[in-house]
N, C-alpha and C. Protein backbone atom coordinates (compact mmCIF):
# COMPACT_ATOMS: atom_id res chain seq x y z
N MET A 1 -75.90 -9.69 -16.23
CA MET A 1 -76.52 -9.16 -17.42
C MET A 1 -75.69 -9.47 -18.66
N LYS A 2 -74.34 -9.36 -18.52
CA LYS A 2 -73.47 -9.66 -19.64
C LYS A 2 -73.61 -11.11 -20.07
N LYS A 3 -73.75 -11.98 -19.11
CA LYS A 3 -73.88 -13.40 -19.38
C LYS A 3 -75.15 -13.67 -20.21
N ILE A 4 -76.23 -13.01 -19.85
CA ILE A 4 -77.49 -13.19 -20.58
C ILE A 4 -77.35 -12.66 -22.00
N ASN A 5 -76.69 -11.51 -22.16
CA ASN A 5 -76.48 -10.95 -23.49
C ASN A 5 -75.63 -11.89 -24.35
N GLN A 6 -74.61 -12.49 -23.76
CA GLN A 6 -73.77 -13.43 -24.49
C GLN A 6 -74.56 -14.65 -24.94
N ILE A 7 -75.36 -15.17 -24.05
CA ILE A 7 -76.18 -16.34 -24.38
C ILE A 7 -77.17 -16.00 -25.49
N LEU A 8 -77.81 -14.83 -25.39
CA LEU A 8 -78.76 -14.41 -26.41
C LEU A 8 -78.07 -14.20 -27.76
N LEU A 9 -76.88 -13.61 -27.75
CA LEU A 9 -76.12 -13.41 -28.97
C LEU A 9 -75.77 -14.76 -29.60
N ALA A 10 -75.28 -15.67 -28.80
CA ALA A 10 -74.92 -17.00 -29.31
C ALA A 10 -76.14 -17.73 -29.87
N LEU A 11 -77.25 -17.68 -29.15
CA LEU A 11 -78.47 -18.32 -29.63
C LEU A 11 -78.97 -17.67 -30.92
N GLY A 12 -78.88 -16.37 -31.01
CA GLY A 12 -79.29 -15.67 -32.24
C GLY A 12 -78.46 -16.08 -33.43
N ILE A 13 -77.16 -16.18 -33.24
CA ILE A 13 -76.27 -16.60 -34.32
C ILE A 13 -76.56 -18.03 -34.73
N LEU A 14 -76.69 -18.92 -33.77
CA LEU A 14 -76.96 -20.32 -34.08
C LEU A 14 -78.32 -20.49 -34.75
N THR A 15 -79.33 -19.77 -34.29
CA THR A 15 -80.66 -19.87 -34.89
C THR A 15 -80.63 -19.37 -36.32
N THR A 16 -79.97 -18.23 -36.56
CA THR A 16 -79.88 -17.69 -37.91
C THR A 16 -79.17 -18.67 -38.82
N SER A 17 -78.09 -19.26 -38.35
CA SER A 17 -77.35 -20.21 -39.16
C SER A 17 -78.17 -21.44 -39.47
N SER A 18 -78.93 -21.95 -38.50
CA SER A 18 -79.70 -23.17 -38.75
C SER A 18 -80.90 -22.90 -39.62
N ILE A 19 -81.48 -21.72 -39.56
CA ILE A 19 -82.62 -21.39 -40.42
C ILE A 19 -82.16 -21.32 -41.86
N ALA A 20 -80.99 -20.77 -42.09
CA ALA A 20 -80.49 -20.59 -43.44
C ALA A 20 -79.70 -21.80 -43.94
N ALA A 21 -79.60 -22.84 -43.14
CA ALA A 21 -78.80 -24.00 -43.52
C ALA A 21 -79.38 -24.68 -44.74
N ALA A 22 -78.50 -25.05 -45.62
CA ALA A 22 -78.88 -25.77 -46.82
C ALA A 22 -78.29 -27.18 -46.74
N TYR A 23 -78.93 -28.09 -47.41
CA TYR A 23 -78.43 -29.45 -47.45
C TYR A 23 -78.11 -29.80 -48.89
N PRO A 24 -76.95 -29.34 -49.38
CA PRO A 24 -76.59 -29.60 -50.77
C PRO A 24 -76.16 -31.05 -50.96
N ILE A 25 -76.25 -31.49 -52.18
CA ILE A 25 -75.75 -32.82 -52.55
C ILE A 25 -74.24 -32.72 -52.62
N THR A 26 -73.56 -33.66 -51.99
CA THR A 26 -72.10 -33.66 -52.00
C THR A 26 -71.60 -34.94 -52.66
N GLY A 27 -70.34 -34.94 -53.04
CA GLY A 27 -69.71 -36.14 -53.57
C GLY A 27 -69.67 -36.20 -55.08
N SER A 28 -69.36 -37.40 -55.57
CA SER A 28 -69.25 -37.59 -57.02
C SER A 28 -69.80 -38.95 -57.40
N ILE A 29 -70.10 -39.08 -58.69
CA ILE A 29 -70.63 -40.33 -59.23
C ILE A 29 -70.10 -40.47 -60.66
N THR A 30 -69.75 -41.68 -61.04
CA THR A 30 -69.19 -41.94 -62.37
C THR A 30 -69.95 -43.09 -63.02
N PHE A 31 -70.25 -42.92 -64.32
CA PHE A 31 -70.96 -43.93 -65.08
C PHE A 31 -70.14 -44.38 -66.27
N GLY A 32 -70.45 -45.55 -66.78
CA GLY A 32 -69.87 -46.03 -68.02
C GLY A 32 -70.94 -46.75 -68.81
N GLY A 33 -70.73 -46.84 -70.11
CA GLY A 33 -71.70 -47.52 -70.94
C GLY A 33 -71.27 -47.53 -72.38
N THR A 34 -72.24 -47.73 -73.25
CA THR A 34 -71.98 -47.83 -74.68
C THR A 34 -72.71 -46.72 -75.40
N VAL A 35 -72.00 -46.11 -76.35
CA VAL A 35 -72.59 -45.04 -77.16
C VAL A 35 -72.60 -45.53 -78.61
N ASP A 36 -73.68 -45.22 -79.33
CA ASP A 36 -73.80 -45.61 -80.74
C ASP A 36 -73.27 -44.49 -81.62
N PHE A 37 -72.25 -44.79 -82.41
CA PHE A 37 -71.75 -43.83 -83.40
C PHE A 37 -72.52 -44.09 -84.68
N THR A 38 -73.35 -43.12 -85.07
CA THR A 38 -74.23 -43.32 -86.22
C THR A 38 -73.70 -42.69 -87.50
N SER A 39 -72.55 -42.05 -87.42
CA SER A 39 -71.98 -41.37 -88.57
C SER A 39 -70.46 -41.50 -88.50
N THR A 40 -69.81 -41.43 -89.67
CA THR A 40 -68.34 -41.48 -89.69
C THR A 40 -67.75 -40.11 -89.40
N THR A 41 -68.60 -39.11 -89.23
CA THR A 41 -68.14 -37.77 -88.84
C THR A 41 -68.98 -37.33 -87.65
N PHE A 42 -68.67 -36.20 -87.11
CA PHE A 42 -69.44 -35.66 -85.98
C PHE A 42 -70.52 -34.69 -86.48
N ASP A 43 -70.99 -34.88 -87.73
CA ASP A 43 -71.93 -33.93 -88.30
C ASP A 43 -73.29 -33.91 -87.62
N THR A 44 -73.68 -34.97 -86.90
CA THR A 44 -74.98 -34.97 -86.25
C THR A 44 -74.96 -34.28 -84.89
N ASN A 45 -73.78 -34.19 -84.27
CA ASN A 45 -73.64 -33.57 -82.95
C ASN A 45 -74.62 -34.17 -81.95
N TYR A 46 -74.86 -35.45 -82.06
CA TYR A 46 -75.86 -36.14 -81.27
C TYR A 46 -75.20 -37.28 -80.50
N VAL A 47 -75.50 -37.40 -79.22
CA VAL A 47 -74.97 -38.49 -78.41
C VAL A 47 -76.11 -39.47 -78.17
N ASP A 48 -75.95 -40.67 -78.69
CA ASP A 48 -76.96 -41.72 -78.58
C ASP A 48 -76.45 -42.77 -77.58
N ILE A 49 -76.97 -42.72 -76.36
CA ILE A 49 -76.58 -43.69 -75.32
C ILE A 49 -77.29 -45.00 -75.63
N HIS A 50 -76.52 -46.06 -75.87
CA HIS A 50 -77.08 -47.35 -76.26
C HIS A 50 -78.02 -47.88 -75.18
N LEU A 51 -79.24 -48.20 -75.58
CA LEU A 51 -80.30 -48.72 -74.71
C LEU A 51 -80.68 -47.75 -73.59
N ASP A 52 -80.23 -46.50 -73.70
CA ASP A 52 -80.55 -45.47 -72.70
C ASP A 52 -80.22 -45.93 -71.28
N GLN A 53 -79.09 -46.64 -71.13
CA GLN A 53 -78.67 -47.13 -69.82
C GLN A 53 -77.17 -46.95 -69.66
N ALA A 54 -76.77 -46.87 -68.42
CA ALA A 54 -75.35 -46.83 -68.06
C ALA A 54 -75.21 -47.49 -66.70
N VAL A 55 -74.01 -47.85 -66.35
CA VAL A 55 -73.77 -48.51 -65.08
C VAL A 55 -72.85 -47.62 -64.22
N VAL A 56 -73.09 -47.62 -62.92
CA VAL A 56 -72.23 -46.88 -61.99
C VAL A 56 -70.89 -47.62 -61.92
N THR A 57 -69.80 -46.92 -62.23
CA THR A 57 -68.49 -47.57 -62.36
C THR A 57 -67.55 -47.35 -61.19
N ASN A 58 -68.02 -46.75 -60.14
CA ASN A 58 -67.19 -46.60 -58.94
C ASN A 58 -68.10 -46.65 -57.72
N ASN A 59 -67.52 -46.60 -56.55
CA ASN A 59 -68.33 -46.47 -55.34
C ASN A 59 -68.64 -44.99 -55.17
N PRO A 60 -69.89 -44.59 -55.36
CA PRO A 60 -70.24 -43.18 -55.24
C PRO A 60 -69.86 -42.63 -53.87
N SER A 61 -69.54 -41.35 -53.84
CA SER A 61 -69.15 -40.73 -52.58
C SER A 61 -70.20 -39.71 -52.14
N GLY A 62 -70.04 -39.23 -50.91
CA GLY A 62 -70.91 -38.19 -50.37
C GLY A 62 -72.36 -38.63 -50.29
N SER A 63 -73.26 -37.75 -50.69
CA SER A 63 -74.71 -37.99 -50.61
C SER A 63 -75.15 -39.19 -51.44
N PHE A 64 -74.46 -39.44 -52.55
CA PHE A 64 -74.84 -40.54 -53.44
C PHE A 64 -74.64 -41.91 -52.77
N ALA A 65 -73.69 -42.00 -51.86
CA ALA A 65 -73.32 -43.30 -51.26
C ALA A 65 -74.46 -43.95 -50.50
N SER A 66 -75.43 -43.17 -50.04
CA SER A 66 -76.50 -43.75 -49.22
C SER A 66 -77.52 -44.54 -50.04
N THR A 67 -77.69 -44.21 -51.33
CA THR A 67 -78.71 -44.91 -52.12
C THR A 67 -78.21 -45.47 -53.45
N VAL A 68 -76.98 -45.17 -53.83
CA VAL A 68 -76.45 -45.64 -55.10
C VAL A 68 -75.22 -46.51 -54.82
N SER A 69 -75.13 -47.63 -55.52
CA SER A 69 -74.02 -48.56 -55.32
C SER A 69 -73.30 -48.83 -56.64
N PHE A 70 -72.09 -49.30 -56.51
CA PHE A 70 -71.29 -49.76 -57.64
C PHE A 70 -72.10 -50.76 -58.46
N LEU A 71 -72.14 -50.60 -59.76
CA LEU A 71 -72.84 -51.45 -60.74
C LEU A 71 -74.36 -51.24 -60.80
N ASP A 72 -74.92 -50.25 -60.07
CA ASP A 72 -76.33 -49.91 -60.25
C ASP A 72 -76.54 -49.41 -61.68
N MET A 73 -77.72 -49.70 -62.24
CA MET A 73 -78.04 -49.22 -63.59
C MET A 73 -78.73 -47.85 -63.50
N ALA A 74 -78.30 -46.94 -64.34
CA ALA A 74 -78.88 -45.61 -64.41
C ALA A 74 -79.66 -45.47 -65.72
N VAL A 75 -80.71 -44.69 -65.70
CA VAL A 75 -81.46 -44.38 -66.91
C VAL A 75 -80.85 -43.11 -67.50
N TYR A 76 -80.56 -43.12 -68.78
CA TYR A 76 -79.93 -42.01 -69.48
C TYR A 76 -80.81 -41.51 -70.61
N ASN A 77 -80.72 -40.22 -70.90
CA ASN A 77 -81.38 -39.64 -72.07
C ASN A 77 -80.32 -39.23 -73.08
N ASP A 78 -80.60 -39.47 -74.36
CA ASP A 78 -79.71 -39.03 -75.43
C ASP A 78 -79.77 -37.50 -75.49
N PHE A 79 -78.76 -36.89 -76.11
CA PHE A 79 -78.79 -35.43 -76.22
C PHE A 79 -78.00 -34.95 -77.43
N THR A 80 -78.34 -33.74 -77.87
CA THR A 80 -77.63 -33.06 -78.95
C THR A 80 -76.75 -32.00 -78.30
N TYR A 81 -75.50 -31.93 -78.69
CA TYR A 81 -74.62 -30.95 -78.06
C TYR A 81 -74.35 -29.71 -78.90
N ASP A 82 -74.77 -29.70 -80.17
CA ASP A 82 -74.61 -28.50 -80.99
C ASP A 82 -75.63 -28.51 -82.11
N PRO A 83 -76.69 -27.71 -82.06
CA PRO A 83 -76.98 -26.72 -81.02
C PRO A 83 -77.47 -27.40 -79.75
N PHE A 84 -77.12 -26.82 -78.64
CA PHE A 84 -77.41 -27.43 -77.35
C PHE A 84 -78.76 -26.98 -76.82
N ALA A 85 -79.46 -27.92 -76.20
CA ALA A 85 -80.69 -27.63 -75.45
C ALA A 85 -80.60 -28.41 -74.14
N ALA A 86 -81.03 -27.81 -73.05
CA ALA A 86 -80.96 -28.46 -71.74
C ALA A 86 -81.66 -29.82 -71.78
N VAL A 87 -81.12 -30.77 -71.02
CA VAL A 87 -81.68 -32.12 -70.94
C VAL A 87 -82.08 -32.37 -69.48
N ASP A 88 -83.38 -32.54 -69.25
CA ASP A 88 -83.90 -32.68 -67.89
C ASP A 88 -84.73 -33.95 -67.78
N PRO A 89 -84.22 -34.98 -67.13
CA PRO A 89 -82.87 -35.15 -66.62
C PRO A 89 -81.98 -35.82 -67.67
N LEU A 90 -80.68 -35.64 -67.52
CA LEU A 90 -79.72 -36.38 -68.36
C LEU A 90 -79.65 -37.82 -67.85
N TRP A 91 -79.55 -37.96 -66.52
CA TRP A 91 -79.53 -39.30 -65.93
C TRP A 91 -80.30 -39.30 -64.63
N SER A 92 -80.72 -40.51 -64.23
CA SER A 92 -81.33 -40.68 -62.91
C SER A 92 -80.98 -42.07 -62.40
N VAL A 93 -80.68 -42.12 -61.10
CA VAL A 93 -80.34 -43.38 -60.44
C VAL A 93 -80.48 -43.18 -58.93
N GLY A 94 -81.04 -44.16 -58.24
CA GLY A 94 -81.11 -44.14 -56.78
C GLY A 94 -81.82 -42.94 -56.19
N GLY A 95 -82.79 -42.37 -56.90
CA GLY A 95 -83.51 -41.20 -56.40
C GLY A 95 -82.83 -39.87 -56.72
N PHE A 96 -81.66 -39.89 -57.33
CA PHE A 96 -80.96 -38.68 -57.75
C PHE A 96 -81.12 -38.49 -59.25
N SER A 97 -81.02 -37.25 -59.69
CA SER A 97 -81.01 -36.97 -61.13
C SER A 97 -80.09 -35.78 -61.39
N PHE A 98 -79.73 -35.63 -62.66
CA PHE A 98 -78.84 -34.54 -63.06
C PHE A 98 -79.43 -33.88 -64.31
N THR A 99 -79.67 -32.58 -64.22
CA THR A 99 -80.14 -31.80 -65.36
C THR A 99 -78.95 -31.16 -66.03
N LEU A 100 -78.78 -31.44 -67.30
CA LEU A 100 -77.68 -30.89 -68.09
C LEU A 100 -78.08 -29.50 -68.58
N ASN A 101 -77.45 -28.44 -68.05
CA ASN A 101 -77.83 -27.07 -68.36
C ASN A 101 -76.92 -26.36 -69.35
N GLN A 102 -75.65 -26.74 -69.39
CA GLN A 102 -74.71 -25.99 -70.22
C GLN A 102 -73.56 -26.88 -70.62
N ILE A 103 -73.09 -26.68 -71.84
CA ILE A 103 -71.87 -27.34 -72.32
C ILE A 103 -70.82 -26.24 -72.44
N SER A 104 -69.69 -26.42 -71.76
CA SER A 104 -68.67 -25.38 -71.78
C SER A 104 -67.50 -25.72 -72.70
N TYR A 105 -67.33 -27.00 -73.06
CA TYR A 105 -66.30 -27.33 -74.04
C TYR A 105 -66.69 -28.58 -74.82
N VAL A 106 -66.23 -28.60 -76.06
CA VAL A 106 -66.45 -29.74 -76.96
C VAL A 106 -65.13 -30.03 -77.65
N SER A 107 -64.72 -31.29 -77.64
CA SER A 107 -63.52 -31.71 -78.36
C SER A 107 -63.88 -32.95 -79.17
N GLU A 108 -63.73 -32.84 -80.49
CA GLU A 108 -64.02 -33.95 -81.39
C GLU A 108 -62.75 -34.26 -82.18
N MET A 109 -62.47 -35.55 -82.33
CA MET A 109 -61.30 -35.94 -83.11
C MET A 109 -61.57 -37.27 -83.80
N ILE A 110 -61.18 -37.35 -85.06
CA ILE A 110 -61.24 -38.61 -85.79
C ILE A 110 -59.81 -38.93 -86.20
N ALA A 111 -59.30 -40.06 -85.71
CA ALA A 111 -57.94 -40.50 -86.01
C ALA A 111 -57.88 -41.06 -87.43
N PRO A 112 -56.69 -41.11 -88.03
CA PRO A 112 -56.56 -41.66 -89.39
C PRO A 112 -57.11 -43.09 -89.52
N ASN A 113 -57.10 -43.86 -88.43
CA ASN A 113 -57.61 -45.23 -88.49
C ASN A 113 -59.14 -45.30 -88.34
N GLY A 114 -59.82 -44.14 -88.26
CA GLY A 114 -61.27 -44.11 -88.15
C GLY A 114 -61.78 -44.11 -86.72
N HIS A 115 -60.88 -44.17 -85.75
CA HIS A 115 -61.29 -44.14 -84.34
C HIS A 115 -61.77 -42.73 -84.01
N MET A 116 -62.95 -42.64 -83.38
CA MET A 116 -63.56 -41.35 -83.05
C MET A 116 -63.48 -41.09 -81.55
N TYR A 117 -63.15 -39.84 -81.19
CA TYR A 117 -63.05 -39.43 -79.79
C TYR A 117 -63.93 -38.19 -79.60
N LEU A 118 -64.75 -38.21 -78.55
CA LEU A 118 -65.61 -37.08 -78.22
C LEU A 118 -65.48 -36.77 -76.74
N ASN A 119 -65.16 -35.54 -76.42
CA ASN A 119 -65.07 -35.09 -75.03
C ASN A 119 -65.92 -33.84 -74.87
N LEU A 120 -66.78 -33.87 -73.84
CA LEU A 120 -67.66 -32.75 -73.54
C LEU A 120 -67.55 -32.42 -72.06
N GLY A 121 -67.87 -31.20 -71.70
CA GLY A 121 -67.89 -30.83 -70.29
C GLY A 121 -68.80 -29.64 -70.10
N GLY A 122 -69.26 -29.46 -68.87
CA GLY A 122 -70.12 -28.32 -68.61
C GLY A 122 -70.68 -28.32 -67.21
N PHE A 123 -71.89 -27.74 -67.10
CA PHE A 123 -72.51 -27.50 -65.81
C PHE A 123 -73.95 -28.01 -65.79
N GLY A 124 -74.43 -28.31 -64.60
CA GLY A 124 -75.81 -28.76 -64.46
C GLY A 124 -76.24 -28.71 -63.01
N ILE A 125 -77.40 -29.30 -62.75
CA ILE A 125 -77.99 -29.27 -61.40
C ILE A 125 -78.31 -30.70 -60.95
N PHE A 126 -77.79 -31.07 -59.78
CA PHE A 126 -78.16 -32.32 -59.13
C PHE A 126 -79.43 -32.08 -58.33
N SER A 127 -80.29 -33.09 -58.24
CA SER A 127 -81.46 -33.00 -57.37
C SER A 127 -81.85 -34.39 -56.90
N GLY A 128 -82.66 -34.41 -55.83
CA GLY A 128 -83.21 -35.68 -55.39
C GLY A 128 -82.99 -36.00 -53.94
N ASN A 129 -83.77 -36.98 -53.46
CA ASN A 129 -83.66 -37.57 -52.13
C ASN A 129 -83.72 -36.54 -50.99
N GLY A 130 -84.50 -35.47 -51.16
CA GLY A 130 -84.69 -34.50 -50.09
C GLY A 130 -83.59 -33.47 -49.95
N PHE A 131 -82.58 -33.51 -50.79
CA PHE A 131 -81.50 -32.52 -50.74
C PHE A 131 -81.90 -31.30 -51.56
N ASP A 132 -81.23 -30.18 -51.29
CA ASP A 132 -81.43 -28.99 -52.09
C ASP A 132 -80.82 -29.21 -53.47
N ASP A 133 -81.40 -28.60 -54.49
CA ASP A 133 -80.79 -28.64 -55.82
C ASP A 133 -79.39 -28.07 -55.70
N THR A 134 -78.43 -28.74 -56.32
CA THR A 134 -77.02 -28.39 -56.14
C THR A 134 -76.33 -28.25 -57.48
N PHE A 135 -75.63 -27.15 -57.68
CA PHE A 135 -74.87 -26.89 -58.89
C PHE A 135 -73.70 -27.87 -58.97
N GLY A 136 -73.40 -28.38 -60.17
CA GLY A 136 -72.29 -29.30 -60.31
C GLY A 136 -71.68 -29.25 -61.70
N THR A 137 -70.53 -29.85 -61.84
CA THR A 137 -69.85 -29.95 -63.12
C THR A 137 -69.96 -31.37 -63.64
N TRP A 138 -69.79 -31.53 -64.93
CA TRP A 138 -69.84 -32.86 -65.52
C TRP A 138 -68.86 -32.96 -66.68
N THR A 139 -68.40 -34.15 -66.93
CA THR A 139 -67.57 -34.44 -68.10
C THR A 139 -68.09 -35.70 -68.75
N PHE A 140 -67.93 -35.78 -70.05
CA PHE A 140 -68.37 -36.93 -70.83
C PHE A 140 -67.28 -37.21 -71.85
N SER A 141 -66.85 -38.45 -71.96
CA SER A 141 -65.89 -38.82 -72.99
C SER A 141 -66.33 -40.14 -73.61
N ALA A 142 -66.20 -40.22 -74.93
CA ALA A 142 -66.58 -41.43 -75.65
C ALA A 142 -65.57 -41.68 -76.74
N ASP A 143 -65.33 -42.94 -77.03
CA ASP A 143 -64.48 -43.29 -78.15
C ASP A 143 -64.95 -44.60 -78.75
N GLY A 144 -64.71 -44.76 -80.03
CA GLY A 144 -65.11 -45.98 -80.73
C GLY A 144 -64.85 -45.85 -82.21
N VAL A 145 -65.16 -46.88 -82.94
CA VAL A 145 -64.96 -46.91 -84.37
C VAL A 145 -66.31 -47.13 -85.04
N VAL A 146 -66.65 -46.27 -86.00
CA VAL A 146 -67.89 -46.46 -86.74
C VAL A 146 -67.79 -47.75 -87.52
N GLY A 147 -68.80 -48.58 -87.42
CA GLY A 147 -68.81 -49.85 -88.12
C GLY A 147 -68.19 -50.97 -87.31
N GLY A 148 -67.28 -50.65 -86.42
CA GLY A 148 -66.68 -51.67 -85.55
C GLY A 148 -67.63 -51.97 -84.42
N GLU A 149 -67.84 -53.22 -84.12
CA GLU A 149 -68.75 -53.63 -83.06
C GLU A 149 -70.10 -52.94 -83.20
N SER A 150 -70.67 -53.01 -84.40
CA SER A 150 -71.97 -52.40 -84.69
C SER A 150 -71.96 -50.89 -84.47
N GLY A 151 -70.83 -50.23 -84.68
CA GLY A 151 -70.77 -48.78 -84.54
C GLY A 151 -70.88 -48.31 -83.11
N LYS A 152 -70.45 -49.12 -82.18
CA LYS A 152 -70.57 -48.75 -80.77
C LYS A 152 -69.21 -48.37 -80.21
N GLY A 153 -69.25 -47.49 -79.25
CA GLY A 153 -68.06 -47.11 -78.53
C GLY A 153 -68.39 -47.06 -77.05
N THR A 154 -67.39 -46.81 -76.24
CA THR A 154 -67.63 -46.72 -74.80
C THR A 154 -67.65 -45.26 -74.38
N PHE A 155 -68.30 -44.99 -73.23
CA PHE A 155 -68.27 -43.64 -72.71
C PHE A 155 -68.11 -43.69 -71.21
N ALA A 156 -67.64 -42.59 -70.67
CA ALA A 156 -67.54 -42.40 -69.22
C ALA A 156 -68.13 -41.03 -68.92
N PHE A 157 -68.85 -40.94 -67.82
CA PHE A 157 -69.48 -39.69 -67.41
C PHE A 157 -69.19 -39.50 -65.94
N SER A 158 -68.80 -38.32 -65.57
CA SER A 158 -68.50 -38.03 -64.17
C SER A 158 -69.17 -36.74 -63.76
N SER A 159 -69.74 -36.72 -62.57
CA SER A 159 -70.38 -35.51 -62.02
C SER A 159 -69.82 -35.24 -60.64
N VAL A 160 -69.53 -33.99 -60.36
CA VAL A 160 -69.01 -33.58 -59.06
C VAL A 160 -69.73 -32.32 -58.64
N ASN A 161 -70.14 -32.27 -57.37
CA ASN A 161 -70.82 -31.06 -56.91
C ASN A 161 -69.82 -29.94 -56.69
N VAL A 162 -70.29 -28.71 -56.83
CA VAL A 162 -69.48 -27.52 -56.59
C VAL A 162 -70.18 -26.74 -55.49
N PRO A 163 -69.50 -26.51 -54.35
CA PRO A 163 -70.17 -25.78 -53.27
C PRO A 163 -70.58 -24.39 -53.71
N GLU A 164 -71.76 -23.99 -53.31
CA GLU A 164 -72.24 -22.65 -53.64
C GLU A 164 -71.62 -21.63 -52.69
N PRO A 165 -71.46 -20.39 -53.14
CA PRO A 165 -70.91 -19.35 -52.27
C PRO A 165 -71.73 -19.18 -51.00
N GLY A 166 -73.03 -19.41 -51.04
CA GLY A 166 -73.89 -19.25 -49.87
C GLY A 166 -73.51 -20.19 -48.75
N VAL A 167 -73.09 -21.41 -49.09
CA VAL A 167 -72.69 -22.38 -48.09
C VAL A 167 -71.43 -21.88 -47.38
N ALA A 168 -70.48 -21.37 -48.15
CA ALA A 168 -69.25 -20.84 -47.55
C ALA A 168 -69.56 -19.62 -46.68
N LEU A 169 -70.50 -18.80 -47.13
CA LEU A 169 -70.89 -17.63 -46.34
C LEU A 169 -71.50 -18.05 -45.01
N LEU A 170 -72.38 -19.04 -45.01
CA LEU A 170 -72.98 -19.52 -43.76
C LEU A 170 -71.91 -20.06 -42.81
N LEU A 171 -70.96 -20.80 -43.36
CA LEU A 171 -69.88 -21.32 -42.53
C LEU A 171 -69.08 -20.16 -41.93
N GLY A 172 -68.80 -19.15 -42.75
CA GLY A 172 -68.05 -18.00 -42.27
C GLY A 172 -68.79 -17.25 -41.17
N ILE A 173 -70.10 -17.07 -41.34
CA ILE A 173 -70.90 -16.39 -40.32
C ILE A 173 -70.87 -17.18 -39.01
N GLY A 174 -71.00 -18.50 -39.12
CA GLY A 174 -70.95 -19.34 -37.91
C GLY A 174 -69.61 -19.23 -37.21
N LEU A 175 -68.51 -19.24 -37.98
CA LEU A 175 -67.18 -19.13 -37.37
C LEU A 175 -66.98 -17.77 -36.71
N VAL A 176 -67.45 -16.71 -37.36
CA VAL A 176 -67.35 -15.37 -36.77
C VAL A 176 -68.14 -15.33 -35.46
N GLY A 177 -69.33 -15.93 -35.46
CA GLY A 177 -70.15 -15.97 -34.25
C GLY A 177 -69.46 -16.67 -33.11
N PHE A 178 -68.82 -17.80 -33.41
CA PHE A 178 -68.09 -18.52 -32.37
C PHE A 178 -66.90 -17.69 -31.87
N GLY A 179 -66.23 -16.99 -32.81
CA GLY A 179 -65.09 -16.15 -32.42
C GLY A 179 -65.52 -15.01 -31.51
N VAL A 180 -66.64 -14.37 -31.87
CA VAL A 180 -67.16 -13.26 -31.05
C VAL A 180 -67.53 -13.77 -29.67
N THR A 181 -68.21 -14.90 -29.63
CA THR A 181 -68.61 -15.47 -28.34
C THR A 181 -67.39 -15.79 -27.49
N ARG A 182 -66.37 -16.35 -28.13
CA ARG A 182 -65.15 -16.70 -27.38
C ARG A 182 -64.45 -15.44 -26.86
N LYS A 183 -64.41 -14.40 -27.70
CA LYS A 183 -63.77 -13.16 -27.29
C LYS A 183 -64.53 -12.53 -26.13
N LEU A 184 -65.86 -12.58 -26.19
CA LEU A 184 -66.66 -12.03 -25.10
C LEU A 184 -66.42 -12.80 -23.81
N LYS A 185 -66.23 -14.10 -23.91
CA LYS A 185 -65.95 -14.89 -22.72
C LYS A 185 -64.60 -14.51 -22.09
N LYS A 186 -63.60 -14.24 -22.96
CA LYS A 186 -62.28 -13.89 -22.46
C LYS A 186 -62.27 -12.54 -21.76
N THR A 187 -63.09 -11.59 -22.23
CA THR A 187 -63.10 -10.24 -21.65
C THR A 187 -63.79 -10.22 -20.29
N ASN A 188 -64.57 -11.26 -19.98
CA ASN A 188 -65.26 -11.31 -18.69
C ASN A 188 -64.36 -11.92 -17.72
């Protein structure tokens, strides 16, 4: 009878864990491209991605690696960072997209030689390719000189997923279940 109870307990734990299992997007992806500086100051608070395109600048990791490759072209949307409004999607490539939901920091600097630096960071949601929507962080940095090279500068964008507390909770429940099962086996 104890053996049957142990098997039922183990099956119940495994079934509960698999029912609640999520398939979040994992890994990171980095882009590079050209940004148009349309003003000698940051008064417009607007990021204009040249030709609304960027290129993948590394070998994507995790979930991205299955459909996105180094040098793939991504479609980008321009955005205003102050006042901020969500951008859905900010980028899309290989069946994945990223919705820009929040900007948590802004750093603007104009050097005495006219070189402009812009750094942004914040939070958003990855989606696509049958995975669950996944919370992630992003950073954006651009630099260039207004008037130099037609007012263009370069930018880099990086996105990394952040595991949700629910995923850690499911893992913890599964480990506790295995521990209980093991302890029950030892007592028999």
